[in-house]
C-alpha atoms as a PDB file:
ATOM      1  CA  THR A   1       6.160 -66.119-167.134  1.00  0.00           C
ATOM      2  CA  LEU A   2       6.908 -65.096-163.601  1.00  0.00           C
ATOM      3  CA  ALA A   3       4.550 -62.192-163.816  1.00  0.00           C
ATOM      4  CA  GLY A   4       1.846 -64.744-164.959  1.00  0.00           C
ATOM      5  CA  PHE A   5       2.489 -66.719-161.843  1.00  0.00           C
ATOM      6  CA  GLY A   6       2.521 -63.618-159.765  1.00  0.00           C
ATOM      7  CA  ARG A   7      -0.845 -62.520-160.997  1.00  0.00           C
ATOM      8  CA  THR A   8      -2.342 -65.472-159.130  1.00  0.00           C
ATOM      9  CA  GLY A   9      -1.271 -63.912-155.777  1.00  0.00           C
ATOM     10  CA  ALA A  10       0.156 -67.278-154.692  1.00  0.00           C
ATOM     11  CA  THR A  11       3.153 -67.768-152.590  1.00  0.00           C
ATOM     12  CA  LEU A  12       5.987 -68.569-155.008  1.00  0.00           C
ATOM     13  CA  ALA A  13       9.093 -70.689-154.706  1.00  0.00           C
ATOM     14  CA  ILE A  14      11.635 -69.632-157.268  1.00  0.00           C
ATOM     15  CA  HIS A  15      14.557 -72.045-157.602  1.00  0.00           C
ATOM     16  CA  LEU A  16      17.892 -71.430-159.157  1.00  0.00           C
ATOM     17  CA  ALA A  17      17.249 -67.763-159.971  1.00  0.00           C
ATOM     18  CA  ILE A  18      19.170 -65.823-157.319  1.00  0.00           C
ATOM     19  CA  HIS A  19      21.330 -64.313-160.107  1.00  0.00           C
ATOM     20  CA  ALA A  20      18.155 -62.647-161.479  1.00  0.00           C
ATOM     21  CA  ILE A  21      16.809 -61.006-158.123  1.00  0.00           C
ATOM     22  CA  ASP A  22      16.543 -57.715-159.829  1.00  0.00           C
ATOM     23  CA  ARG A  23      14.163 -59.157-162.526  1.00  0.00           C
ATOM     24  CA  ILE A  24      12.187 -61.001-159.905  1.00  0.00           C
ATOM     25  CA  VAL A  25      11.627 -57.864-157.856  1.00  0.00           C
ATOM     26  CA  ALA A  26      10.812 -55.808-160.990  1.00  0.00           C
ATOM     27  CA  ASP A  27       8.214 -58.460-162.083  1.00  0.00           C
ATOM     28  CA  LEU A  28       6.696 -59.088-158.684  1.00  0.00           C
ATOM     29  CA  ALA A  29       6.800 -55.735-156.862  1.00  0.00           C
ATOM     30  CA  PRO A  30       3.941 -54.242-159.023  1.00  0.00           C
ATOM     31  CA  LEU A  31       1.857 -57.277-158.293  1.00  0.00           C
ATOM     32  CA  TYR A  32       2.544 -58.079-154.649  1.00  0.00           C
ATOM     33  CA  GLY A  33       3.689 -54.647-153.385  1.00  0.00           C
ATOM     34  CA  ALA A  34       7.025 -53.546-151.976  1.00  0.00           C
ATOM     35  CA  GLU A  35       6.178 -54.715-148.582  1.00  0.00           C
ATOM     36  CA  CYS A  36       5.528 -58.297-149.662  1.00  0.00           C
ATOM     37  CA  PRO A  37       7.602 -60.677-147.583  1.00  0.00           C
ATOM     38  CA  VAL A  38      10.537 -62.488-149.126  1.00  0.00           C
ATOM     39  CA  ALA A  39      12.818 -65.225-147.819  1.00  0.00           C
ATOM     40  CA  VAL A  40      15.955 -66.424-149.517  1.00  0.00           C
ATOM     41  CA  VAL A  41      17.287 -69.781-148.306  1.00  0.00           C
ATOM     42  CA  PHE A  42      20.896 -70.647-149.187  1.00  0.00           C
ATOM     43  CA  ARG A  43      21.807 -74.327-149.095  1.00  0.00           C
ATOM     44  CA  ALA A  44      18.649 -75.468-147.455  1.00  0.00           C
ATOM     45  CA  SER A  45      19.184 -78.415-144.820  1.00  0.00           C
ATOM     46  CA  TRP A  46      22.961 -78.138-145.293  1.00  0.00           C
ATOM     47  CA  PRO A  47      25.125 -77.418-142.162  1.00  0.00           C
ATOM     48  CA  ASP A  48      25.923 -74.038-143.634  1.00  0.00           C
ATOM     49  CA  GLU A  49      22.342 -73.125-144.356  1.00  0.00           C
ATOM     50  CA  ARG A  50      21.554 -69.393-144.319  1.00  0.00           C
ATOM     51  CA  ILE A  51      18.161 -67.692-144.392  1.00  0.00           C
ATOM     52  CA  LEU A  52      17.678 -63.974-145.375  1.00  0.00           C
ATOM     53  CA  THR A  53      14.281 -62.432-144.828  1.00  0.00           C
ATOM     54  CA  GLY A  54      13.055 -59.080-146.116  1.00  0.00           C
ATOM     55  CA  THR A  55      10.564 -57.608-148.485  1.00  0.00           C
ATOM     56  CA  LEU A  56      10.447 -57.114-152.218  1.00  0.00           C
ATOM     57  CA  GLY A  57      11.561 -53.468-151.491  1.00  0.00           C
ATOM     58  CA  THR A  58      14.516 -54.481-149.371  1.00  0.00           C
ATOM     59  CA  ILE A  59      15.841 -57.885-150.587  1.00  0.00           C
ATOM     60  CA  GLU A  60      18.184 -56.609-153.327  1.00  0.00           C
ATOM     61  CA  ALA A  61      20.046 -54.394-150.938  1.00  0.00           C
ATOM     62  CA  GLN A  62      20.229 -57.164-148.267  1.00  0.00           C
ATOM     63  CA  LEU A  63      21.553 -59.559-150.849  1.00  0.00           C
ATOM     64  CA  ALA A  64      24.172 -56.948-151.930  1.00  0.00           C
ATOM     65  CA  GLU A  65      25.314 -56.874-148.162  1.00  0.00           C
ATOM     66  CA  ASN A  66      24.956 -60.738-147.668  1.00  0.00           C
ATOM     67  CA  PRO A  67      25.681 -62.361-151.012  1.00  0.00           C
ATOM     68  CA  MET A  68      24.214 -65.769-151.849  1.00  0.00           C
ATOM     69  CA  GLU A  69      24.562 -67.635-155.171  1.00  0.00           C
ATOM     70  CA  ARG A  70      23.526 -70.756-156.988  1.00  0.00           C
ATOM     71  CA  THR A  71      21.971 -73.063-154.358  1.00  0.00           C
ATOM     72  CA  ALA A  72      19.453 -70.622-153.026  1.00  0.00           C
ATOM     73  CA  ILE A  73      15.690 -70.693-153.291  1.00  0.00           C
ATOM     74  CA  ILE A  74      13.548 -67.551-153.118  1.00  0.00           C
ATOM     75  CA  PHE A  75      10.089 -67.534-151.530  1.00  0.00           C
ATOM     76  CA  VAL A  76       7.740 -64.613-152.143  1.00  0.00           C
ATOM     77  CA  GLY A  77       4.298 -64.220-150.727  1.00  0.00           C
ATOM     78  CA  SER A  78       2.121 -62.799-147.947  1.00  0.00           C
ATOM     79  CA  ALA A  79       1.981 -66.251-146.332  1.00  0.00           C
ATOM     80  CA  LEU A  80       5.575 -65.745-145.137  1.00  0.00           C
ATOM     81  CA  ALA A  81       4.186 -63.270-142.682  1.00  0.00           C
ATOM     82  CA  ALA A  82       1.339 -65.309-141.441  1.00  0.00           C
ATOM     83  CA  GLN A  83       0.985 -65.454-137.619  1.00  0.00           C
ATOM     84  CA  ASP A  84      -1.463 -67.020-135.236  1.00  0.00           C
ATOM     85  CA  PHE A  85      -2.100 -70.072-137.237  1.00  0.00           C
ATOM     86  CA  GLY A  86      -2.333 -73.813-136.204  1.00  0.00           C
ATOM     87  CA  GLU A  87       0.214 -76.423-137.154  1.00  0.00           C
ATOM     88  CA  SER A  88      -0.851 -79.112-139.413  1.00  0.00           C
ATOM     89  CA  SER A  89      -2.680 -82.116-137.892  1.00  0.00           C
ATOM     90  CA  LEU A  90      -1.890 -84.438-140.681  1.00  0.00           C
ATOM     91  CA  TYR A  91       0.491 -86.538-138.572  1.00  0.00           C
ATOM     92  CA  ASP A  92      -1.185 -86.021-135.233  1.00  0.00           C
ATOM     93  CA  ALA A  93      -2.225 -89.293-133.733  1.00  0.00           C
ATOM     94  CA  HIS A  94      -5.472 -87.722-132.630  1.00  0.00           C
ATOM     95  CA  TYR A  95      -6.397 -86.476-136.046  1.00  0.00           C
ATOM     96  CA  GLN A  96      -9.123 -88.694-137.562  1.00  0.00           C
ATOM     97  CA  ARG A  97      -8.869 -89.553-141.160  1.00  0.00           C
ATOM     98  CA  ARG A  98     -10.904 -91.592-143.445  1.00  0.00           C
ATOM     99  CA  PHE A  99      -8.722 -94.685-143.199  1.00  0.00           C
ATOM    100  CA  ARG A 100      -7.412 -94.209-139.578  1.00  0.00           C
ATOM    101  CA  GLY A 101      -9.569 -93.738-136.495  1.00  0.00           C
ATOM    102  CA  ARG A 102      -8.658 -91.737-133.365  1.00  0.00           C
ATOM    103  CA  ASP A 103      -6.917 -94.760-131.840  1.00  0.00           C
ATOM    104  CA  GLY A 104      -4.070 -94.544-134.394  1.00  0.00           C
ATOM    105  CA  LEU A 105      -4.956 -97.666-136.288  1.00  0.00           C
END
């Protein structure tokens, strides 16, 4: 269940459920708190992509003012508000991995 996933405290990506935003908020707000960050991404990577950010306490009203439907994904979790973190070094040529030395070979 959504509440079961929410009990883990993980950042959640909820696909094809924008029509159930009221249930999502009802299930997750008691677990994450009303101030937990939320991002709704409509038509990700399309030319008409839209991103709406808010909190579990505000996202329903925001969606009422800026409706999105069908091809939206909802992200919920404190990681959405993270600041002062380094970008991944996974593809950095100077990042040494087990099978690739610092010279990029």
